């Protein structure tokens, strides 16, 4: 028990626990930065997907009008 007490009150123990805390904090900061990057990236992807879908809908409507149908005909099918 005395050896454990000596270790836990030693400078080495303080240095090791300090490193442990610092590296844990650094890892959490890295995860937070990574999450922010991915959230922003996924938001941009979502905007692009919706934009592509709108363009496709406009193409479908234009083709339908050209071949003699009406946009409403497509919506009721």
PDB file of N, CA and C in Angstrom:
ATOM      1  N   UNK A   1       0.828  -1.179   0.000  1.00  0.00           N
ATOM      2  CA  UNK A   1       0.000   0.000   0.000  1.00  0.00           C
ATOM      3  C   UNK A   1       0.886   1.260   0.000  1.00  0.00           C
ATOM      4  N   UNK A   2       1.981   1.164   0.686  1.00  0.00           N
ATOM      5  CA  UNK A   2       2.900   2.298   0.751  1.00  0.00           C
ATOM      6  C   UNK A   2       3.492   2.598  -0.623  1.00  0.00           C
ATOM      7  N   UNK A   3       3.811   1.536  -1.363  1.00  0.00           N
ATOM      8  CA  UNK A   3       4.363   1.727  -2.710  1.00  0.00           C
ATOM      9  C   UNK A   3       3.350   2.419  -3.626  1.00  0.00           C
ATOM     10  N   UNK A   4       2.106   2.008  -3.525  1.00  0.00           N
ATOM     11  CA  UNK A   4       1.058   2.618  -4.341  1.00  0.00           C
ATOM     12  C   UNK A   4       0.898   4.094  -3.982  1.00  0.00           C
ATOM     13  N   UNK A   5       0.902   4.390  -2.706  1.00  0.00           N
ATOM     14  CA  UNK A   5       0.802   5.788  -2.257  1.00  0.00           C
ATOM     15  C   UNK A   5       1.987   6.602  -2.781  1.00  0.00           C
ATOM     16  N   UNK A   6       3.176   6.037  -2.680  1.00  0.00           N
ATOM     17  CA  UNK A   6       4.369   6.736  -3.168  1.00  0.00           C
ATOM     18  C   UNK A   6       4.260   7.024  -4.669  1.00  0.00           C
ATOM     19  N   UNK A   7       3.785   6.036  -5.405  1.00  0.00           N
ATOM     20  CA  UNK A   7       3.629   6.236  -6.850  1.00  0.00           C
ATOM     21  C   UNK A   7       2.588   7.314  -7.144  1.00  0.00           C
ATOM     22  N   UNK A   8       1.439   7.238  -6.465  1.00  0.00           N
ATOM     23  CA  UNK A   8       0.355   8.172  -6.749  1.00  0.00           C
ATOM     24  C   UNK A   8       0.669   9.600  -6.297  1.00  0.00           C
ATOM     25  N   UNK A   9       1.614   9.766  -5.452  1.00  0.00           N
ATOM     26  CA  UNK A   9       2.003  11.114  -5.016  1.00  0.00           C
ATOM     27  C   UNK A   9       3.311  11.558  -5.669  1.00  0.00           C
ATOM     28  N   UNK A  10       3.805  10.756  -6.605  1.00  0.00           N
ATOM     29  CA  UNK A  10       5.092  11.071  -7.244  1.00  0.00           C
ATOM     30  C   UNK A  10       4.925  12.032  -8.423  1.00  0.00           C
ATOM     31  N   UNK A  11       6.041  12.610  -8.823  1.00  0.00           N
ATOM     32  CA  UNK A  11       6.062  13.490  -9.986  1.00  0.00           C
ATOM     33  C   UNK A  11       5.752  12.693 -11.262  1.00  0.00           C
ATOM     34  N   UNK A  12       6.233  11.466 -11.312  1.00  0.00           N
ATOM     35  CA  UNK A  12       5.975  10.618 -12.499  1.00  0.00           C
ATOM     36  C   UNK A  12       4.477  10.413 -12.696  1.00  0.00           C
ATOM     37  N   UNK A  13       3.765  10.119 -11.611  1.00  0.00           N
ATOM     38  CA  UNK A  13       2.309   9.928 -11.690  1.00  0.00           C
ATOM     39  C   UNK A  13       1.635  11.214 -12.179  1.00  0.00           C
ATOM     40  N   UNK A  14       2.061  12.342 -11.632  1.00  0.00           N
ATOM     41  CA  UNK A  14       1.488  13.626 -12.043  1.00  0.00           C
ATOM     42  C   UNK A  14       1.748  13.883 -13.527  1.00  0.00           C
ATOM     43  N   UNK A  15       2.945  13.580 -14.005  1.00  0.00           N
ATOM     44  CA  UNK A  15       3.264  13.764 -15.422  1.00  0.00           C
ATOM     45  C   UNK A  15       2.439  12.834 -16.310  1.00  0.00           C
ATOM     46  N   UNK A  16       2.322  11.583 -15.908  1.00  0.00           N
ATOM     47  CA  UNK A  16       1.550  10.618 -16.699  1.00  0.00           C
ATOM     48  C   UNK A  16       0.077  11.002 -16.765  1.00  0.00           C
ATOM     49  N   UNK A  17      -0.513  11.364 -15.634  1.00  0.00           N
ATOM     50  CA  UNK A  17      -1.931  11.744 -15.658  1.00  0.00           C
ATOM     51  C   UNK A  17      -2.132  13.056 -16.412  1.00  0.00           C
ATOM     52  N   UNK A  18      -1.150  13.944 -16.340  1.00  0.00           N
ATOM     53  CA  UNK A  18      -1.224  15.183 -17.117  1.00  0.00           C
ATOM     54  C   UNK A  18      -1.195  14.909 -18.614  1.00  0.00           C
ATOM     55  N   UNK A  19      -0.307  14.016 -19.033  1.00  0.00           N
ATOM     56  CA  UNK A  19      -0.257  13.627 -20.457  1.00  0.00           C
ATOM     57  C   UNK A  19      -1.559  12.973 -20.879  1.00  0.00           C
ATOM     58  N   UNK A  20      -2.081  12.104 -20.007  1.00  0.00           N
ATOM     59  CA  UNK A  20      -3.334  11.413 -20.305  1.00  0.00           C
ATOM     60  C   UNK A  20      -4.456  12.430 -20.525  1.00  0.00           C
ATOM     61  N   UNK A  21      -4.571  13.387 -19.636  1.00  0.00           N
ATOM     62  CA  UNK A  21      -5.614  14.416 -19.759  1.00  0.00           C
ATOM     63  C   UNK A  21      -5.425  15.261 -21.014  1.00  0.00           C
ATOM     64  N   UNK A  22      -4.195  15.665 -21.294  1.00  0.00           N
ATOM     65  CA  UNK A  22      -3.910  16.502 -22.461  1.00  0.00           C
ATOM     66  C   UNK A  22      -4.225  15.761 -23.760  1.00  0.00           C
ATOM     67  N   UNK A  23      -3.850  14.510 -23.833  1.00  0.00           N
ATOM     68  CA  UNK A  23      -4.099  13.741 -25.053  1.00  0.00           C
ATOM     69  C   UNK A  23      -5.582  13.427 -25.214  1.00  0.00           C
ATOM     70  N   UNK A  24      -6.281  13.208 -24.115  1.00  0.00           N
ATOM     71  CA  UNK A  24      -7.734  13.000 -24.188  1.00  0.00           C
ATOM     72  C   UNK A  24      -8.419  14.261 -24.707  1.00  0.00           C
ATOM     73  N   UNK A  25      -8.008  15.418 -24.192  1.00  0.00           N
ATOM     74  CA  UNK A  25      -8.574  16.686 -24.655  1.00  0.00           C
ATOM     75  C   UNK A  25      -8.279  16.915 -26.134  1.00  0.00           C
ATOM     76  N   UNK A  26      -7.053  16.613 -26.555  1.00  0.00           N
ATOM     77  CA  UNK A  26      -6.675  16.791 -27.956  1.00  0.00           C
ATOM     78  C   UNK A  26      -7.520  15.889 -28.866  1.00  0.00           C
ATOM     79  N   UNK A  27      -7.763  14.668 -28.424  1.00  0.00           N
ATOM     80  CA  UNK A  27      -8.580  13.747 -29.207  1.00  0.00           C
ATOM     81  C   UNK A  27     -10.014  14.241 -29.318  1.00  0.00           C
ATOM     82  N   UNK A  28     -10.570  14.752 -28.225  1.00  0.00           N
ATOM     83  CA  UNK A  28     -11.932  15.303 -28.267  1.00  0.00           C
ATOM     84  C   UNK A  28     -12.011  16.501 -29.216  1.00  0.00           C
ATOM     85  N   UNK A  29     -11.006  17.364 -29.185  1.00  0.00           N
ATOM     86  CA  UNK A  29     -10.976  18.512 -30.090  1.00  0.00           C
ATOM     87  C   UNK A  29     -10.907  18.056 -31.552  1.00  0.00           C
ATOM     88  N   UNK A  30     -10.121  17.032 -31.803  1.00  0.00           N
ATOM     89  CA  UNK A  30     -10.012  16.489 -33.154  1.00  0.00           C
ATOM     90  C   UNK A  30     -11.352  15.931 -33.621  1.00  0.00           C
ATOM     91  N   UNK A  31     -12.045  15.221 -32.748  1.00  0.00           N
ATOM     92  CA  UNK A  31     -13.356  14.682 -33.105  1.00  0.00           C
ATOM     93  C   UNK A  31     -14.358  15.791 -33.382  1.00  0.00           C
ATOM     94  N   UNK A  32     -14.329  16.843 -32.582  1.00  0.00           N
ATOM     95  CA  UNK A  32     -15.246  17.965 -32.789  1.00  0.00           C
ATOM     96  C   UNK A  32     -14.990  18.645 -34.129  1.00  0.00           C
ATOM     97  N   UNK A  33     -13.720  18.848 -34.455  1.00  0.00           N
ATOM     98  CA  UNK A  33     -13.368  19.467 -35.733  1.00  0.00           C
ATOM     99  C   UNK A  33     -13.799  18.576 -36.895  1.00  0.00           C
ATOM    100  N   UNK A  34     -13.604  17.273 -36.748  1.00  0.00           N
ATOM    101  CA  UNK A  34     -13.988  16.328 -37.797  1.00  0.00           C
ATOM    102  C   UNK A  34     -15.499  16.333 -37.999  1.00  0.00           C
ATOM    103  N   UNK A  35     -16.255  16.371 -36.914  1.00  0.00           N
ATOM    104  CA  UNK A  35     -17.712  16.396 -37.012  1.00  0.00           C
ATOM    105  C   UNK A  35     -18.182  17.674 -37.702  1.00  0.00           C
ATOM    106  N   UNK A  36     -17.608  18.813 -37.345  1.00  0.00           N
ATOM    107  CA  UNK A  36     -17.981  20.074 -37.991  1.00  0.00           C
ATOM    108  C   UNK A  36     -17.711  20.013 -39.485  1.00  0.00           C
ATOM    109  N   UNK A  37     -16.549  19.461 -39.868  1.00  0.00           N
ATOM    110  CA  UNK A  37     -16.219  19.327 -41.289  1.00  0.00           C
ATOM    111  C   UNK A  37     -17.252  18.458 -42.002  1.00  0.00           C
ATOM    112  N   UNK A  38     -17.558  17.301 -41.427  1.00  0.00           N
ATOM    113  CA  UNK A  38     -18.502  16.384 -42.072  1.00  0.00           C
ATOM    114  C   UNK A  38     -19.912  16.972 -42.137  1.00  0.00           C
ATOM    115  N   UNK A  39     -20.348  17.632 -41.065  1.00  0.00           N
ATOM    116  CA  UNK A  39     -21.671  18.253 -41.090  1.00  0.00           C
ATOM    117  C   UNK A  39     -21.765  19.269 -42.222  1.00  0.00           C
ATOM    118  N   UNK A  40     -20.742  20.082 -42.377  1.00  0.00           N
ATOM    119  CA  UNK A  40     -20.728  21.091 -43.443  1.00  0.00           C
ATOM    120  C   UNK A  40     -20.701  20.417 -44.821  1.00  0.00           C
ATOM    121  N   UNK A  41     -19.891  19.385 -44.940  1.00  0.00           N
ATOM    122  CA  UNK A  41     -19.792  18.646 -46.205  1.00  0.00           C
ATOM    123  C   UNK A  41     -21.129  18.003 -46.572  1.00  0.00           C
ATOM    124  N   UNK A  42     -21.783  17.362 -45.605  1.00  0.00           N
ATOM    125  CA  UNK A  42     -23.063  16.698 -45.860  1.00  0.00           C
ATOM    126  C   UNK A  42     -24.144  17.718 -46.199  1.00  0.00           C
ATOM    127  N   UNK A  43     -24.075  18.904 -45.596  1.00  0.00           N
ATOM    128  CA  UNK A  43     -25.030  19.948 -45.925  1.00  0.00           C
ATOM    129  C   UNK A  43     -24.857  20.370 -47.388  1.00  0.00           C
ATOM    130  N   UNK A  44     -23.622  20.538 -47.818  1.00  0.00           N
ATOM    131  CA  UNK A  44     -23.358  20.900 -49.217  1.00  0.00           C
ATOM    132  C   UNK A  44     -23.829  19.785 -50.156  1.00  0.00           C
ATOM    133  N   UNK A  45     -23.581  18.540 -49.790  1.00  0.00           N
ATOM    134  CA  UNK A  45     -24.042  17.418 -50.613  1.00  0.00           C
ATOM    135  C   UNK A  45     -25.560  17.433 -50.738  1.00  0.00           C
ATOM    136  N   UNK A  46     -26.250  17.670 -49.626  1.00  0.00           N
ATOM    137  CA  UNK A  46     -27.715  17.706 -49.646  1.00  0.00           C
ATOM    138  C   UNK A  46     -28.237  18.790 -50.575  1.00  0.00           C
ATOM    139  N   UNK A  47     -27.611  19.962 -50.531  1.00  0.00           N
ATOM    140  CA  UNK A  47     -28.030  21.052 -51.423  1.00  0.00           C
ATOM    141  C   UNK A  47     -27.828  20.667 -52.884  1.00  0.00           C
ATOM    142  N   UNK A  48     -26.711  20.031 -53.182  1.00  0.00           N
ATOM    143  CA  UNK A  48     -26.449  19.610 -54.560  1.00  0.00           C
ATOM    144  C   UNK A  48     -27.434  18.534 -55.017  1.00  0.00           C
ATOM    145  N   UNK A  49     -27.747  17.599 -54.149  1.00  0.00           N
ATOM    146  CA  UNK A  49     -28.706  16.543 -54.502  1.00  0.00           C
ATOM    147  C   UNK A  49     -30.069  17.156 -54.815  1.00  0.00           C
ATOM    148  N   UNK A  50     -30.516  18.072 -53.958  1.00  0.00           N
ATOM    149  CA  UNK A  50     -31.815  18.717 -54.205  1.00  0.00           C
ATOM    150  C   UNK A  50     -31.792  19.530 -55.492  1.00  0.00           C
ATOM    151  N   UNK A  51     -30.684  20.179 -55.784  1.00  0.00           N
ATOM    152  CA  UNK A  51     -30.556  20.943 -57.018  1.00  0.00           C
ATOM    153  C   UNK A  51     -30.627  20.026 -58.239  1.00  0.00           C
ATOM    154  N   UNK A  52     -29.957  18.904 -58.158  1.00  0.00           N
ATOM    155  CA  UNK A  52     -29.987  17.918 -59.255  1.00  0.00           C
ATOM    156  C   UNK A  52     -31.404  17.397 -59.453  1.00  0.00           C
ATOM    157  N   UNK A  53     -32.107  17.127 -58.355  1.00  0.00           N
ATOM    158  CA  UNK A  53     -33.483  16.643 -58.458  1.00  0.00           C
ATOM    159  C   UNK A  53     -34.396  17.681 -59.116  1.00  0.00           C
ATOM    160  N   UNK A  54     -34.202  18.952 -58.802  1.00  0.00           N
ATOM    161  CA  UNK A  54     -35.008  20.006 -59.421  1.00  0.00           C
ATOM    162  C   UNK A  54     -34.735  20.094 -60.917  1.00  0.00           C
ATOM    163  N   UNK A  55     -33.459  19.989 -61.285  1.00  0.00           N
ATOM    164  CA  UNK A  55     -33.113  20.025 -62.709  1.00  0.00           C
ATOM    165  C   UNK A  55     -33.773  18.861 -63.432  1.00  0.00           C
ATOM    166  N   UNK A  56     -33.738  17.675 -62.836  1.00  0.00           N
ATOM    167  CA  UNK A  56     -34.357  16.486 -63.458  1.00  0.00           C
ATOM    168  C   UNK A  56     -35.857  16.702 -63.620  1.00  0.00           C
ATOM    169  N   UNK A  57     -36.501  17.285 -62.622  1.00  0.00           N
ATOM    170  CA  UNK A  57     -37.934  17.547 -62.722  1.00  0.00           C
ATOM    171  C   UNK A  57     -38.219  18.539 -63.848  1.00  0.00           C
ATOM    172  N   UNK A  58     -37.388  19.551 -64.009  1.00  0.00           N
ATOM    173  CA  UNK A  58     -37.566  20.518 -65.093  1.00  0.00           C
ATOM    174  C   UNK A  58     -37.379  19.855 -66.459  1.00  0.00           C
ATOM    175  N   UNK A  59     -36.401  18.973 -66.570  1.00  0.00           N
ATOM    176  CA  UNK A  59     -36.187  18.237 -67.823  1.00  0.00           C
ATOM    177  C   UNK A  59     -37.406  17.378 -68.137  1.00  0.00           C
ATOM    178  N   UNK A  60     -37.903  16.641 -67.153  1.00  0.00           N
ATOM    179  CA  UNK A  60     -39.075  15.787 -67.360  1.00  0.00           C
ATOM    180  C   UNK A  60     -40.279  16.606 -67.811  1.00  0.00           C
ATOM    181  N   UNK A  61     -40.488  17.764 -67.176  1.00  0.00           N
ATOM    182  CA  UNK A  61     -41.612  18.624 -67.541  1.00  0.00           C
ATOM    183  C   UNK A  61     -41.458  19.125 -68.971  1.00  0.00           C
ATOM    184  N   UNK A  62     -40.268  19.570 -69.331  1.00  0.00           N
ATOM    185  CA  UNK A  62     -40.036  20.074 -70.691  1.00  0.00           C
ATOM    186  C   UNK A  62     -40.267  18.987 -71.729  1.00  0.00           C
ATOM    187  N   UNK A  63     -39.777  17.790 -71.476  1.00  0.00           N
ATOM    188  CA  UNK A  63     -39.963  16.678 -72.416  1.00  0.00           C
ATOM    189  C   UNK A  63     -41.444  16.345 -72.537  1.00  0.00           C
ATOM    190  N   UNK A  64     -42.151  16.316 -71.437  1.00  0.00           N
ATOM    191  CA  UNK A  64     -43.581  16.004 -71.451  1.00  0.00           C
ATOM    192  C   UNK A  64     -44.355  17.038 -72.270  1.00  0.00           C
ATOM    193  N   UNK A  65     -44.015  18.300 -72.107  1.00  0.00           N
ATOM    194  CA  UNK A  65     -44.686  19.355 -72.874  1.00  0.00           C
ATOM    195  C   UNK A  65     -44.376  19.207 -74.363  1.00  0.00           C
ATOM    196  N   UNK A  66     -43.131  18.902 -74.693  1.00  0.00           N
ATOM    197  CA  UNK A  66     -42.729  18.764 -76.096  1.00  0.00           C
ATOM    198  C   UNK A  66     -43.457  17.613 -76.774  1.00  0.00           C
ATOM    199  N   UNK A  67     -43.633  16.501 -76.084  1.00  0.00           N
ATOM    200  CA  UNK A  67     -44.271  15.346 -76.733  1.00  0.00           C
ATOM    201  C   UNK A  67     -45.791  15.432 -76.688  1.00  0.00           C
ATOM    202  N   UNK A  68     -46.330  16.548 -76.214  1.00  0.00           N
ATOM    203  CA  UNK A  68     -47.746  16.769 -76.329  1.00  0.00           C
ATOM    204  C   UNK A  68     -48.559  16.537 -75.096  1.00  0.00           C
ATOM    205  N   UNK A  69     -47.944  16.168 -74.040  1.00  0.00           N
ATOM    206  CA  UNK A  69     -48.675  15.983 -72.798  1.00  0.00           C
ATOM    207  C   UNK A  69     -48.676  17.294 -72.015  1.00  0.00           C
ATOM    208  N   UNK A  70     -49.118  17.178 -70.834  1.00  0.00           N
ATOM    209  CA  UNK A  70     -49.068  18.349 -69.958  1.00  0.00           C
ATOM    210  C   UNK A  70     -48.418  17.930 -68.645  1.00  0.00           C
ATOM    211  N   UNK A  71     -47.858  18.863 -67.925  1.00  0.00           N
ATOM    212  CA  UNK A  71     -47.231  18.495 -66.648  1.00  0.00           C
ATOM    213  C   UNK A  71     -48.210  17.820 -65.688  1.00  0.00           C
ATOM    214  N   UNK A  72     -49.492  18.194 -65.727  1.00  0.00           N
ATOM    215  CA  UNK A  72     -50.468  17.594 -64.826  1.00  0.00           C
ATOM    216  C   UNK A  72     -50.668  16.103 -65.121  1.00  0.00           C
ATOM    217  N   UNK A  73     -50.574  15.719 -66.404  1.00  0.00           N
ATOM    218  CA  UNK A  73     -50.728  14.323 -66.792  1.00  0.00           C
ATOM    219  C   UNK A  73     -49.690  13.463 -66.065  1.00  0.00           C
ATOM    220  N   UNK A  74     -48.475  13.941 -66.014  1.00  0.00           N
ATOM    221  CA  UNK A  74     -47.403  13.199 -65.355  1.00  0.00           C
ATOM    222  C   UNK A  74     -47.668  13.072 -63.858  1.00  0.00           C
ATOM    223  N   UNK A  75     -48.220  14.104 -63.263  1.00  0.00           N
ATOM    224  CA  UNK A  75     -48.444  14.075 -61.819  1.00  0.00           C
ATOM    225  C   UNK A  75     -49.561  13.098 -61.421  1.00  0.00           C
ATOM    226  N   UNK A  76     -50.494  12.801 -62.321  1.00  0.00           N
ATOM    227  CA  UNK A  76     -51.611  11.926 -61.969  1.00  0.00           C
ATOM    228  C   UNK A  76     -51.308  10.465 -62.232  1.00  0.00           C
ATOM    229  N   UNK A  77     -50.206  10.160 -62.863  1.00  0.00           N
ATOM    230  CA  UNK A  77     -49.874   8.764 -63.160  1.00  0.00           C
ATOM    231  C   UNK A  77     -49.358   8.057 -61.945  1.00  0.00           C
TER     232      UNK A  77
END
